[in-house]
Amino acid sequence: MTLDLVPGLITTREEVAASYGGSVYSGGMVPAPKSKMLFVYSDPAAGLKHGYTFDGWAEDDDFGPLYLYTGAGATGHQQMKLGNKSLMDTLTNGYEVHLFVSHGKAPGKKLVMQRYVGRVALDAGEPFEERWAPGSDGAMRRVFVFRLRPAEGAEMNVLDSDSVLPATQTTVIELPPKPPVVKLPAQQTGAKDKKTEQHTTAQTTANIPGGPRTVKRREGQLCTAFEEFLIAAGHLTKSFQITVEGESGTFTPDLYDATDNVLYEAKGLATRNNVRMAIGQLLDYRRHLTVPDGLRLAVLLPEPPTADVKNLLEVEAVELVYQTEGGFAGWPLASYQP
C-alpha cells in the first residue's frame, strides 16, 4: 500500500522509501528516481549542535512563506554535489520536492519520526544563500542555505515550533577577502553616465510558485562588478555576517572596502525608496561592526539618483558611487586622502 502524503502525517524515512523509492541512509536530501520525487528531511536541532540556527520557516518576505534548509556537508566548504546538487537540479528536472521535519523518536526506539510538512519548490530567483557556520570540527566554512517555498496550490502543515530559532547571542563574523587580481582599472577621466537601457538584461522573468515575477539581478551584478573593480585597483574587500541575539536570520552588508575603510550598500534601482532603505541598512550595520575609527558609509547605485536624493545623501553624510560606461563615478571618494 502506497503511503498517502498528507500534510501533518507522522511517518518514517523507511515508510517513505518503501512507498516511493530512494535510500533510507543517503542524508537529508533523498532523490527517488522511480517516482520523480526528492525528499528533504530537516532537523534544525542538528545545526544547533554545531552552533548555528538556520533551518526553519523564516519571516515571510515580499513573495510569501520561506523555509530555509542548510545543505549537506559536515566539515569544510559545502560543495554543489550529491544531495545539494540533487536539490538544485529540481529547478529543471521536474522532480517534486517534499519537505519533512524531524518529530522526535519512536517510543522506546532510536528511530526518528518525520512529520510531513508539504510539497515545496526551490525559489527560482534565489535558490540558495551562502552563509558561514562552524562545521562538526569547529572550523568555520561556507554552507548553502536553500530557500524553499510552498509549491503552487500545495497545503502546508506548519507549527509555531517550525520557525527559525532566534540567536542566543550577537555575533559578527568577518568574511575572508577575495584574492587580488593583477589587472588595473581604466582611468576615470571623462566617464559618462551609463544609459538606463543597458540594464534591461539584468532582469529576467521566471515562473516560480505563486506565479510569474520579475527577478531583479541588477543589485548582485552591480556589487560584483564594483568588487572586481576595487580588487583590480589593489583594494582589500570583505564583508561580515551579523547575527543578532533574540532574532532569527543573519544580515550581510554588501561590501566593505578595508583599504579605504568604507562600508557600501548596493541597490539595483536609484529610486528614493531604495536609497532611503540603503541609508537605514548602513546605519544599522555600523552599530555592530568593529572596524578602524573613521568608517565611512556609501551607497552604490547603477545610475545617478535625482538631485534631491543626492542632497539627502549629502545631509546624512553618506557617500554616493554609481556605475558609468567607464567605471564608477564618485570613486575614489572625495573625502579620501591616500
C-alpha atoms as a PDB file:
ATOM      1  CA  MET A   1       0.000   0.000   0.000  1.00  0.00           C
ATOM      2  CA  THR A   2       1.392   3.401  -1.019  1.00  0.00           C
ATOM      3  CA  LEU A   3       1.826   5.925   1.781  1.00  0.00           C
ATOM      4  CA  ASP A   4      -0.533   8.866   1.324  1.00  0.00           C
ATOM      5  CA  LEU A   5       1.482  12.069   1.753  1.00  0.00           C
ATOM      6  CA  VAL A   6      -0.979  14.256   3.643  1.00  0.00           C
ATOM      7  CA  PRO A   7       0.433  17.352   5.405  1.00  0.00           C
ATOM      8  CA  GLY A   8       0.735  16.565   9.107  1.00  0.00           C
ATOM      9  CA  LEU A   9       1.367  12.857   8.537  1.00  0.00           C
ATOM     10  CA  ILE A  10       3.775  11.311  11.063  1.00  0.00           C
ATOM     11  CA  THR A  11       5.881   8.636   9.418  1.00  0.00           C
ATOM     12  CA  THR A  12       9.432   7.365   8.999  1.00  0.00           C
ATOM     13  CA  ARG A  13      12.031   7.527   6.266  1.00  0.00           C
ATOM     14  CA  GLU A  14      11.675   3.760   5.890  1.00  0.00           C
ATOM     15  CA  GLU A  15       7.953   4.024   5.139  1.00  0.00           C
ATOM     16  CA  VAL A  16       8.533   6.817   2.631  1.00  0.00           C
ATOM     17  CA  ALA A  17      11.241   4.811   0.853  1.00  0.00           C
ATOM     18  CA  ALA A  18       9.081   1.695   0.762  1.00  0.00           C
ATOM     19  CA  SER A  19       6.302   3.629  -0.985  1.00  0.00           C
ATOM     20  CA  TYR A  20       8.200   5.962  -3.293  1.00  0.00           C
ATOM     21  CA  GLY A  21      11.776   4.721  -3.505  1.00  0.00           C
ATOM     22  CA  GLY A  22      15.008   6.395  -2.527  1.00  0.00           C
ATOM     23  CA  SER A  23      17.600   5.449   0.033  1.00  0.00           C
ATOM     24  CA  VAL A  24      16.953   5.415   3.755  1.00  0.00           C
ATOM     25  CA  TYR A  25      20.560   6.307   4.575  1.00  0.00           C
ATOM     26  CA  SER A  26      21.610   8.903   1.977  1.00  0.00           C
ATOM     27  CA  GLY A  27      21.475  12.074   4.063  1.00  0.00           C
ATOM     28  CA  GLY A  28      18.935  14.849   4.289  1.00  0.00           C
ATOM     29  CA  MET A  29      18.136  15.146   0.553  1.00  0.00           C
ATOM     30  CA  VAL A  30      16.937  11.866  -0.903  1.00  0.00           C
ATOM     31  CA  PRO A  31      16.096  11.527  -4.616  1.00  0.00           C
ATOM     32  CA  ALA A  32      13.592   8.851  -5.628  1.00  0.00           C
ATOM     33  CA  PRO A  33      14.007   8.453  -9.403  1.00  0.00           C
ATOM     34  CA  LYS A  34      11.222   5.901  -9.854  1.00  0.00           C
ATOM     35  CA  SER A  35       8.643   8.424  -8.598  1.00  0.00           C
ATOM     36  CA  LYS A  36      10.468  11.601  -9.748  1.00  0.00           C
ATOM     37  CA  MET A  37      10.460  12.952  -6.215  1.00  0.00           C
ATOM     38  CA  LEU A  38      13.076  14.349  -3.875  1.00  0.00           C
ATOM     39  CA  PHE A  39      12.559  14.170  -0.129  1.00  0.00           C
ATOM     40  CA  VAL A  40      14.085  16.830   2.112  1.00  0.00           C
ATOM     41  CA  TYR A  41      14.452  15.828   5.760  1.00  0.00           C
ATOM     42  CA  SER A  42      15.050  18.837   8.000  1.00  0.00           C
ATOM     43  CA  ASP A  43      16.372  18.568  11.540  1.00  0.00           C
ATOM     44  CA  PRO A  44      17.012  22.069  12.981  1.00  0.00           C
ATOM     45  CA  ALA A  45      18.453  20.563  16.170  1.00  0.00           C
ATOM     46  CA  ALA A  46      21.354  19.116  14.151  1.00  0.00           C
ATOM     47  CA  GLY A  47      22.627  22.585  13.234  1.00  0.00           C
ATOM     48  CA  LEU A  48      22.133  23.810  16.773  1.00  0.00           C
ATOM     49  CA  LYS A  49      24.659  21.233  17.969  1.00  0.00           C
ATOM     50  CA  HIS A  50      27.285  22.975  15.844  1.00  0.00           C
ATOM     51  CA  GLY A  51      26.300  26.489  16.894  1.00  0.00           C
ATOM     52  CA  TYR A  52      24.035  27.781  14.106  1.00  0.00           C
ATOM     53  CA  THR A  53      20.275  28.007  13.686  1.00  0.00           C
ATOM     54  CA  PHE A  54      19.482  28.486  10.014  1.00  0.00           C
ATOM     55  CA  ASP A  55      16.767  25.857   9.390  1.00  0.00           C
ATOM     56  CA  GLY A  56      13.058  26.576   9.682  1.00  0.00           C
ATOM     57  CA  TRP A  57      10.340  28.926   8.477  1.00  0.00           C
ATOM     58  CA  ALA A  58      11.705  32.444   8.177  1.00  0.00           C
ATOM     59  CA  GLU A  59       9.677  35.635   8.260  1.00  0.00           C
ATOM     60  CA  ASP A  60       7.524  35.986   5.152  1.00  0.00           C
ATOM     61  CA  ASP A  61       9.096  38.223   2.529  1.00  0.00           C
ATOM     62  CA  ASP A  62       7.604  40.003  -0.484  1.00  0.00           C
ATOM     63  CA  PHE A  63       6.989  36.656  -2.160  1.00  0.00           C
ATOM     64  CA  GLY A  64       5.370  34.791   0.732  1.00  0.00           C
ATOM     65  CA  PRO A  65       6.405  31.981   3.088  1.00  0.00           C
ATOM     66  CA  LEU A  66      10.022  30.826   3.037  1.00  0.00           C
ATOM     67  CA  TYR A  67      11.605  27.717   4.554  1.00  0.00           C
ATOM     68  CA  LEU A  68      15.387  27.748   4.978  1.00  0.00           C
ATOM     69  CA  TYR A  69      17.287  24.482   4.777  1.00  0.00           C
ATOM     70  CA  THR A  70      21.032  24.029   5.346  1.00  0.00           C
ATOM     71  CA  GLY A  71      22.763  21.887   2.730  1.00  0.00           C
ATOM     72  CA  ALA A  72      24.851  18.749   3.161  1.00  0.00           C
ATOM     73  CA  GLY A  73      28.473  18.608   4.278  1.00  0.00           C
ATOM     74  CA  ALA A  74      29.551  18.481   7.913  1.00  0.00           C
ATOM     75  CA  THR A  75      33.101  19.837   7.504  1.00  0.00           C
ATOM     76  CA  GLY A  76      34.846  22.090   5.017  1.00  0.00           C
ATOM     77  CA  HIS A  77      33.148  24.315   2.461  1.00  0.00           C
ATOM     78  CA  GLN A  78      29.988  22.699   1.192  1.00  0.00           C
ATOM     79  CA  GLN A  79      30.086  21.670  -2.463  1.00  0.00           C
ATOM     80  CA  MET A  80      27.330  21.685  -5.065  1.00  0.00           C
ATOM     81  CA  LYS A  81      27.339  17.909  -5.475  1.00  0.00           C
ATOM     82  CA  LEU A  82      25.489  14.829  -4.211  1.00  0.00           C
ATOM     83  CA  GLY A  83      22.413  15.881  -2.232  1.00  0.00           C
ATOM     84  CA  ASN A  84      22.987  19.602  -2.733  1.00  0.00           C
ATOM     85  CA  LYS A  85      23.147  19.123  -6.495  1.00  0.00           C
ATOM     86  CA  SER A  86      20.106  16.852  -6.417  1.00  0.00           C
ATOM     87  CA  LEU A  87      18.082  19.622  -4.803  1.00  0.00           C
ATOM     88  CA  MET A  88      19.371  22.266  -7.223  1.00  0.00           C
ATOM     89  CA  ASP A  89      18.555  20.005 -10.171  1.00  0.00           C
ATOM     90  CA  THR A  90      14.861  20.073  -9.234  1.00  0.00           C
ATOM     91  CA  LEU A  91      14.714  23.536 -10.800  1.00  0.00           C
ATOM     92  CA  THR A  92      14.963  21.865 -14.202  1.00  0.00           C
ATOM     93  CA  ASN A  93      14.400  18.097 -13.975  1.00  0.00           C
ATOM     94  CA  GLY A  94      10.721  18.089 -12.998  1.00  0.00           C
ATOM     95  CA  TYR A  95      11.169  16.323  -9.666  1.00  0.00           C
ATOM     96  CA  GLU A  96       8.648  17.142  -6.940  1.00  0.00           C
ATOM     97  CA  VAL A  97      10.210  18.257  -3.644  1.00  0.00           C
ATOM     98  CA  HIS A  98       8.578  17.094  -0.417  1.00  0.00           C
ATOM     99  CA  LEU A  99       9.578  18.535   2.958  1.00  0.00           C
ATOM    100  CA  PHE A 100       9.683  16.607   6.240  1.00  0.00           C
ATOM    101  CA  VAL A 101      10.707  17.883   9.685  1.00  0.00           C
ATOM    102  CA  SER A 102      12.018  15.645  12.455  1.00  0.00           C
ATOM    103  CA  HIS A 103       9.340  14.816  15.004  1.00  0.00           C
ATOM    104  CA  GLY A 104      11.091  13.142  17.914  1.00  0.00           C
ATOM    105  CA  LYS A 105      11.842   9.465  18.317  1.00  0.00           C
ATOM    106  CA  ALA A 106       9.540   6.471  18.331  1.00  0.00           C
ATOM    107  CA  PRO A 107       8.730   5.312  21.885  1.00  0.00           C
ATOM    108  CA  GLY A 108      11.465   3.011  23.147  1.00  0.00           C
ATOM    109  CA  LYS A 109      13.418   3.224  19.886  1.00  0.00           C
ATOM    110  CA  LYS A 110      16.191   5.276  18.307  1.00  0.00           C
ATOM    111  CA  LEU A 111      14.094   5.633  15.152  1.00  0.00           C
ATOM    112  CA  VAL A 112      13.493   9.315  14.305  1.00  0.00           C
ATOM    113  CA  MET A 113       9.938  10.095  13.291  1.00  0.00           C
ATOM    114  CA  GLN A 114       9.216  12.538  10.486  1.00  0.00           C
ATOM    115  CA  ARG A 115       6.327  14.990  10.102  1.00  0.00           C
ATOM    116  CA  TYR A 116       5.315  15.686   6.531  1.00  0.00           C
ATOM    117  CA  VAL A 117       5.063  19.439   6.002  1.00  0.00           C
ATOM    118  CA  GLY A 118       4.062  19.510   2.352  1.00  0.00           C
ATOM    119  CA  ARG A 119       5.249  19.926  -1.205  1.00  0.00           C
ATOM    120  CA  VAL A 120       7.734  22.756  -1.738  1.00  0.00           C
ATOM    121  CA  ALA A 121       9.963  24.112  -4.507  1.00  0.00           C
ATOM    122  CA  LEU A 122      13.238  26.000  -4.681  1.00  0.00           C
ATOM    123  CA  ASP A 123      12.913  29.742  -5.105  1.00  0.00           C
ATOM    124  CA  ALA A 124      13.766  30.152  -8.796  1.00  0.00           C
ATOM    125  CA  GLY A 125      15.030  33.699  -8.309  1.00  0.00           C
ATOM    126  CA  GLU A 126      17.381  32.950  -5.399  1.00  0.00           C
ATOM    127  CA  PRO A 127      17.630  29.183  -4.800  1.00  0.00           C
ATOM    128  CA  PHE A 128      20.163  29.478  -2.001  1.00  0.00           C
ATOM    129  CA  GLU A 129      22.299  31.823   0.066  1.00  0.00           C
ATOM    130  CA  GLU A 130      25.880  31.256   1.147  1.00  0.00           C
ATOM    131  CA  ARG A 131      26.493  31.649   4.857  1.00  0.00           C
ATOM    132  CA  TRP A 132      29.329  30.898   7.213  1.00  0.00           C
ATOM    133  CA  ALA A 133      28.916  28.443  10.045  1.00  0.00           C
ATOM    134  CA  PRO A 134      31.051  26.092  12.145  1.00  0.00           C
ATOM    135  CA  GLY A 135      31.402  22.504  10.988  1.00  0.00           C
ATOM    136  CA  SER A 136      31.453  19.404  13.144  1.00  0.00           C
ATOM    137  CA  ASP A 137      35.197  20.042  13.610  1.00  0.00           C
ATOM    138  CA  GLY A 138      34.556  23.591  14.878  1.00  0.00           C
ATOM    139  CA  ALA A 139      36.188  25.265  11.849  1.00  0.00           C
ATOM    140  CA  MET A 140      34.245  27.986  10.037  1.00  0.00           C
ATOM    141  CA  ARG A 141      33.200  27.133   6.485  1.00  0.00           C
ATOM    142  CA  ARG A 142      30.747  28.200   3.765  1.00  0.00           C
ATOM    143  CA  VAL A 143      27.389  26.471   3.783  1.00  0.00           C
ATOM    144  CA  PHE A 144      24.463  26.542   1.394  1.00  0.00           C
ATOM    145  CA  VAL A 145      21.164  27.672   2.886  1.00  0.00           C
ATOM    146  CA  PHE A 146      18.486  26.634   0.403  1.00  0.00           C
ATOM    147  CA  ARG A 147      15.332  28.736   0.037  1.00  0.00           C
ATOM    148  CA  LEU A 148      12.178  26.616  -0.230  1.00  0.00           C
ATOM    149  CA  ARG A 149       8.689  27.941  -0.905  1.00  0.00           C
ATOM    150  CA  PRO A 150       5.304  26.204  -0.879  1.00  0.00           C
ATOM    151  CA  ALA A 151       4.625  24.663  -4.284  1.00  0.00           C
ATOM    152  CA  GLU A 152       1.797  26.260  -6.206  1.00  0.00           C
ATOM    153  CA  GLY A 153      -1.516  25.123  -4.739  1.00  0.00           C
ATOM    154  CA  ALA A 154       0.123  22.988  -2.031  1.00  0.00           C
ATOM    155  CA  GLU A 155      -1.183  22.753   1.530  1.00  0.00           C
ATOM    156  CA  MET A 156       1.342  23.126   4.339  1.00  0.00           C
ATOM    157  CA  ASN A 157       1.413  21.750   7.872  1.00  0.00           C
ATOM    158  CA  VAL A 158       3.339  24.471   9.723  1.00  0.00           C
ATOM    159  CA  LEU A 159       3.709  24.645  13.505  1.00  0.00           C
ATOM    160  CA  ASP A 160       4.999  27.517  15.624  1.00  0.00           C
ATOM    161  CA  SER A 161       7.949  25.310  16.555  1.00  0.00           C
ATOM    162  CA  ASP A 162       8.986  25.180  12.894  1.00  0.00           C
ATOM    163  CA  SER A 163      10.164  28.810  12.894  1.00  0.00           C
ATOM    164  CA  VAL A 164      13.880  29.565  12.646  1.00  0.00           C
ATOM    165  CA  LEU A 165      15.252  29.620  16.174  1.00  0.00           C
ATOM    166  CA  PRO A 166      16.363  33.034  17.471  1.00  0.00           C
ATOM    167  CA  ALA A 167      20.074  33.533  18.021  1.00  0.00           C
ATOM    168  CA  THR A 168      21.304  33.195  21.604  1.00  0.00           C
ATOM    169  CA  GLN A 169      23.937  35.905  21.215  1.00  0.00           C
ATOM    170  CA  THR A 170      25.012  38.657  18.859  1.00  0.00           C
ATOM    171  CA  THR A 171      27.938  37.634  16.691  1.00  0.00           C
ATOM    172  CA  VAL A 172      29.811  39.293  13.844  1.00  0.00           C
ATOM    173  CA  ILE A 173      31.831  37.036  11.561  1.00  0.00           C
ATOM    174  CA  GLU A 174      34.393  38.727   9.337  1.00  0.00           C
ATOM    175  CA  LEU A 175      34.175  37.029   5.976  1.00  0.00           C
ATOM    176  CA  PRO A 176      37.508  36.421   4.226  1.00  0.00           C
ATOM    177  CA  PRO A 177      38.607  38.708   1.399  1.00  0.00           C
ATOM    178  CA  LYS A 178      38.650  37.645  -2.214  1.00  0.00           C
ATOM    179  CA  PRO A 179      42.084  37.200  -3.826  1.00  0.00           C
ATOM    180  CA  PRO A 180      43.604  40.184  -5.649  1.00  0.00           C
ATOM    181  CA  VAL A 181      43.915  40.372  -9.410  1.00  0.00           C
ATOM    182  CA  VAL A 182      46.681  41.979 -11.437  1.00  0.00           C
ATOM    183  CA  LYS A 183      44.678  43.999 -13.972  1.00  0.00           C
ATOM    184  CA  LEU A 184      44.331  47.688 -13.129  1.00  0.00           C
ATOM    185  CA  PRO A 185      41.117  49.638 -13.815  1.00  0.00           C
ATOM    186  CA  ALA A 186      40.810  52.190 -16.596  1.00  0.00           C
ATOM    187  CA  GLN A 187      41.219  55.861 -15.723  1.00  0.00           C
ATOM    188  CA  GLN A 188      38.033  57.607 -14.573  1.00  0.00           C
ATOM    189  CA  THR A 189      38.520  60.771 -16.645  1.00  0.00           C
ATOM    190  CA  GLY A 190      35.599  61.664 -18.877  1.00  0.00           C
ATOM    191  CA  ALA A 191      33.328  58.917 -17.551  1.00  0.00           C
ATOM    192  CA  LYS A 192      29.796  59.020 -18.924  1.00  0.00           C
ATOM    193  CA  ASP A 193      26.627  58.071 -17.127  1.00  0.00           C
ATOM    194  CA  LYS A 194      25.570  54.567 -18.052  1.00  0.00           C
ATOM    195  CA  LYS A 195      22.402  54.519 -20.132  1.00  0.00           C
ATOM    196  CA  THR A 196      19.369  53.055 -18.416  1.00  0.00           C
ATOM    197  CA  GLU A 197      18.572  50.664 -21.272  1.00  0.00           C
ATOM    198  CA  GLN A 198      21.881  48.907 -20.725  1.00  0.00           C
ATOM    199  CA  HIS A 199      20.465  47.468 -17.505  1.00  0.00           C
ATOM    200  CA  THR A 200      17.479  45.738 -19.087  1.00  0.00           C
ATOM    201  CA  THR A 201      19.381  42.483 -19.476  1.00  0.00           C
ATOM    202  CA  ALA A 202      19.904  42.419 -15.706  1.00  0.00           C
ATOM    203  CA  GLN A 203      16.304  41.334 -15.209  1.00  0.00           C
ATOM    204  CA  THR A 204      14.563  38.145 -16.218  1.00  0.00           C
ATOM    205  CA  THR A 205      11.081  36.809 -15.683  1.00  0.00           C
ATOM    206  CA  ALA A 206      10.955  33.427 -14.018  1.00  0.00           C
ATOM    207  CA  ASN A 207       7.981  31.202 -13.295  1.00  0.00           C
ATOM    208  CA  ILE A 208       8.089  30.207  -9.647  1.00  0.00           C
ATOM    209  CA  PRO A 209       5.445  29.092  -7.117  1.00  0.00           C
ATOM    210  CA  GLY A 210       2.872  31.851  -6.765  1.00  0.00           C
ATOM    211  CA  GLY A 211       3.029  32.885 -10.417  1.00  0.00           C
ATOM    212  CA  PRO A 212       5.448  34.787 -12.646  1.00  0.00           C
ATOM    213  CA  ARG A 213       7.533  37.527 -11.074  1.00  0.00           C
ATOM    214  CA  THR A 214      10.333  39.731 -12.242  1.00  0.00           C
ATOM    215  CA  VAL A 215      13.631  38.572 -10.798  1.00  0.00           C
ATOM    216  CA  LYS A 216      15.961  41.516 -10.323  1.00  0.00           C
ATOM    217  CA  ARG A 217      19.573  40.532 -10.613  1.00  0.00           C
ATOM    218  CA  ARG A 218      20.869  44.045 -11.093  1.00  0.00           C
ATOM    219  CA  GLU A 219      21.936  44.576  -7.496  1.00  0.00           C
ATOM    220  CA  GLY A 220      24.053  41.438  -7.359  1.00  0.00           C
ATOM    221  CA  GLN A 221      25.640  42.154 -10.719  1.00  0.00           C
ATOM    222  CA  LEU A 222      26.389  45.725  -9.684  1.00  0.00           C
ATOM    223  CA  CYS A 223      28.000  44.689  -6.405  1.00  0.00           C
ATOM    224  CA  THR A 224      30.095  42.009  -8.119  1.00  0.00           C
ATOM    225  CA  ALA A 225      31.291  44.441 -10.791  1.00  0.00           C
ATOM    226  CA  PHE A 226      32.292  47.033  -8.193  1.00  0.00           C
ATOM    227  CA  GLU A 227      34.073  44.491  -6.023  1.00  0.00           C
ATOM    228  CA  GLU A 228      36.076  43.292  -9.025  1.00  0.00           C
ATOM    229  CA  PHE A 229      36.837  46.938  -9.798  1.00  0.00           C
ATOM    230  CA  LEU A 230      38.158  47.528  -6.276  1.00  0.00           C
ATOM    231  CA  ILE A 231      40.212  44.333  -6.263  1.00  0.00           C
ATOM    232  CA  ALA A 232      41.743  45.294  -9.608  1.00  0.00           C
ATOM    233  CA  ALA A 233      42.719  48.628  -8.018  1.00  0.00           C
ATOM    234  CA  GLY A 234      44.584  46.739  -5.315  1.00  0.00           C
ATOM    235  CA  HIS A 235      41.994  47.177  -2.578  1.00  0.00           C
ATOM    236  CA  LEU A 236      41.193  44.585   0.064  1.00  0.00           C
ATOM    237  CA  THR A 237      37.473  43.790   0.139  1.00  0.00           C
ATOM    238  CA  LYS A 238      35.466  41.710   2.550  1.00  0.00           C
ATOM    239  CA  SER A 239      32.112  41.567   4.282  1.00  0.00           C
ATOM    240  CA  PHE A 240      30.532  40.467   7.543  1.00  0.00           C
ATOM    241  CA  GLN A 241      27.830  38.089   8.682  1.00  0.00           C
ATOM    242  CA  ILE A 242      25.807  39.565  11.548  1.00  0.00           C
ATOM    243  CA  THR A 243      23.593  37.554  13.873  1.00  0.00           C
ATOM    244  CA  VAL A 244      21.570  39.430  16.494  1.00  0.00           C
ATOM    245  CA  GLU A 245      20.633  37.989  19.870  1.00  0.00           C
ATOM    246  CA  GLY A 246      16.924  37.214  20.148  1.00  0.00           C
ATOM    247  CA  GLU A 247      16.358  37.461  16.382  1.00  0.00           C
ATOM    248  CA  SER A 248      16.324  34.822  13.680  1.00  0.00           C
ATOM    249  CA  GLY A 249      18.231  35.095  10.448  1.00  0.00           C
ATOM    250  CA  THR A 250      21.513  36.737   9.553  1.00  0.00           C
ATOM    251  CA  PHE A 251      22.440  40.045   7.929  1.00  0.00           C
ATOM    252  CA  THR A 252      25.288  40.532   5.483  1.00  0.00           C
ATOM    253  CA  PRO A 253      26.406  44.019   4.408  1.00  0.00           C
ATOM    254  CA  ASP A 254      27.097  44.131   0.685  1.00  0.00           C
ATOM    255  CA  LEU A 255      30.732  45.178   0.683  1.00  0.00           C
ATOM    256  CA  TYR A 256      33.437  46.545   2.969  1.00  0.00           C
ATOM    257  CA  ASP A 257      36.490  48.202   1.404  1.00  0.00           C
ATOM    258  CA  ALA A 258      39.119  47.592   4.076  1.00  0.00           C
ATOM    259  CA  THR A 259      41.702  49.676   2.220  1.00  0.00           C
ATOM    260  CA  ASP A 260      39.618  52.869   2.372  1.00  0.00           C
ATOM    261  CA  ASN A 261      37.534  51.878   5.435  1.00  0.00           C
ATOM    262  CA  VAL A 262      34.217  52.267   3.586  1.00  0.00           C
ATOM    263  CA  LEU A 263      31.043  50.227   4.016  1.00  0.00           C
ATOM    264  CA  TYR A 264      28.933  50.021   0.840  1.00  0.00           C
ATOM    265  CA  GLU A 265      25.296  49.089   0.400  1.00  0.00           C
ATOM    266  CA  ALA A 266      24.231  48.397  -3.190  1.00  0.00           C
ATOM    267  CA  LYS A 267      20.772  48.885  -4.654  1.00  0.00           C
ATOM    268  CA  GLY A 268      19.538  47.765  -8.043  1.00  0.00           C
ATOM    269  CA  LEU A 269      17.459  50.902  -8.588  1.00  0.00           C
ATOM    270  CA  ALA A 270      18.336  54.532  -7.902  1.00  0.00           C
ATOM    271  CA  THR A 271      14.892  55.406  -6.526  1.00  0.00           C
ATOM    272  CA  ARG A 272      14.258  57.391  -3.370  1.00  0.00           C
ATOM    273  CA  ASN A 273      12.857  54.387  -1.505  1.00  0.00           C
ATOM    274  CA  ASN A 274      15.872  52.253  -2.393  1.00  0.00           C
ATOM    275  CA  VAL A 275      18.317  54.921  -1.262  1.00  0.00           C
ATOM    276  CA  ARG A 276      16.401  55.514   1.965  1.00  0.00           C
ATOM    277  CA  MET A 277      16.494  51.783   2.659  1.00  0.00           C
ATOM    278  CA  ALA A 278      20.229  51.677   1.963  1.00  0.00           C
ATOM    279  CA  ILE A 279      20.867  54.524   4.412  1.00  0.00           C
ATOM    280  CA  GLY A 280      18.925  52.724   7.128  1.00  0.00           C
ATOM    281  CA  GLN A 281      20.770  49.466   6.498  1.00  0.00           C
ATOM    282  CA  LEU A 282      24.158  51.165   6.657  1.00  0.00           C
ATOM    283  CA  LEU A 283      23.330  52.842   9.976  1.00  0.00           C
ATOM    284  CA  ASP A 284      22.109  49.535  11.389  1.00  0.00           C
ATOM    285  CA  TYR A 285      25.156  47.569  10.226  1.00  0.00           C
ATOM    286  CA  ARG A 286      27.584  50.194  11.521  1.00  0.00           C
ATOM    287  CA  ARG A 287      26.448  49.665  15.124  1.00  0.00           C
ATOM    288  CA  HIS A 288      27.644  46.065  15.086  1.00  0.00           C
ATOM    289  CA  LEU A 289      30.970  46.306  13.278  1.00  0.00           C
ATOM    290  CA  THR A 290      34.391  46.547  14.860  1.00  0.00           C
ATOM    291  CA  VAL A 291      36.497  48.371  12.293  1.00  0.00           C
ATOM    292  CA  PRO A 292      39.058  51.198  12.455  1.00  0.00           C
ATOM    293  CA  ASP A 293      37.820  54.629  13.511  1.00  0.00           C
ATOM    294  CA  GLY A 294      36.563  56.857  10.736  1.00  0.00           C
ATOM    295  CA  LEU A 295      34.358  54.322   8.955  1.00  0.00           C
ATOM    296  CA  ARG A 296      32.563  55.972   6.048  1.00  0.00           C
ATOM    297  CA  LEU A 297      29.246  54.872   4.581  1.00  0.00           C
ATOM    298  CA  ALA A 298      28.447  54.799   0.877  1.00  0.00           C
ATOM    299  CA  VAL A 299      25.528  53.830  -1.354  1.00  0.00           C
ATOM    300  CA  LEU A 300      26.305  52.031  -4.620  1.00  0.00           C
ATOM    301  CA  LEU A 301      23.798  52.551  -7.462  1.00  0.00           C
ATOM    302  CA  PRO A 302      23.527  51.542 -11.126  1.00  0.00           C
ATOM    303  CA  GLU A 303      22.904  55.153 -12.197  1.00  0.00           C
ATOM    304  CA  PRO A 304      22.715  58.624 -10.605  1.00  0.00           C
ATOM    305  CA  PRO A 305      19.628  59.401  -8.500  1.00  0.00           C
ATOM    306  CA  THR A 306      17.677  62.655  -8.646  1.00  0.00           C
ATOM    307  CA  ALA A 307      19.174  65.880  -7.333  1.00  0.00           C
ATOM    308  CA  ASP A 308      17.061  65.789  -4.181  1.00  0.00           C
ATOM    309  CA  VAL A 309      18.087  62.211  -3.375  1.00  0.00           C
ATOM    310  CA  LYS A 310      21.709  63.277  -3.849  1.00  0.00           C
ATOM    311  CA  ASN A 311      21.055  66.066  -1.365  1.00  0.00           C
ATOM    312  CA  LEU A 312      19.579  63.550   1.080  1.00  0.00           C
ATOM    313  CA  LEU A 313      22.818  61.564   0.951  1.00  0.00           C
ATOM    314  CA  GLU A 314      24.893  64.690   1.494  1.00  0.00           C
ATOM    315  CA  VAL A 315      22.823  65.739   4.508  1.00  0.00           C
ATOM    316  CA  GLU A 316      23.191  62.262   6.033  1.00  0.00           C
ATOM    317  CA  ALA A 317      26.952  62.215   5.279  1.00  0.00           C
ATOM    318  CA  VAL A 318      26.614  59.114   3.114  1.00  0.00           C
ATOM    319  CA  GLU A 319      28.808  58.945   0.019  1.00  0.00           C
ATOM    320  CA  LEU A 320      27.445  58.155  -3.453  1.00  0.00           C
ATOM    321  CA  VAL A 321      29.075  55.908  -6.060  1.00  0.00           C
ATOM    322  CA  TYR A 322      27.271  54.915  -9.256  1.00  0.00           C
ATOM    323  CA  GLN A 323      28.115  52.920 -12.347  1.00  0.00           C
ATOM    324  CA  THR A 324      29.109  54.575 -15.604  1.00  0.00           C
ATOM    325  CA  GLU A 325      30.189  53.386 -19.021  1.00  0.00           C
ATOM    326  CA  GLY A 326      33.822  53.878 -17.999  1.00  0.00           C
ATOM    327  CA  GLY A 327      33.693  52.578 -14.441  1.00  0.00           C
ATOM    328  CA  PHE A 328      32.237  54.142 -11.307  1.00  0.00           C
ATOM    329  CA  ALA A 329      31.557  57.836 -10.707  1.00  0.00           C
ATOM    330  CA  GLY A 330      32.263  59.126  -7.217  1.00  0.00           C
ATOM    331  CA  TRP A 331      35.221  56.777  -6.720  1.00  0.00           C
ATOM    332  CA  PRO A 332      37.678  57.290  -5.201  1.00  0.00           C
ATOM    333  CA  LEU A 333      35.616  59.047  -2.544  1.00  0.00           C
ATOM    334  CA  ALA A 334      36.194  62.761  -2.489  1.00  0.00           C
ATOM    335  CA  SER A 335      36.943  62.747   1.219  1.00  0.00           C
ATOM    336  CA  TYR A 336      39.584  60.032   0.939  1.00  0.00           C
ATOM    337  CA  GLN A 337      43.176  61.096   1.479  1.00  0.00           C
ATOM    338  CA  PRO A 338      45.611  58.322   0.383  1.00  0.00           C
END
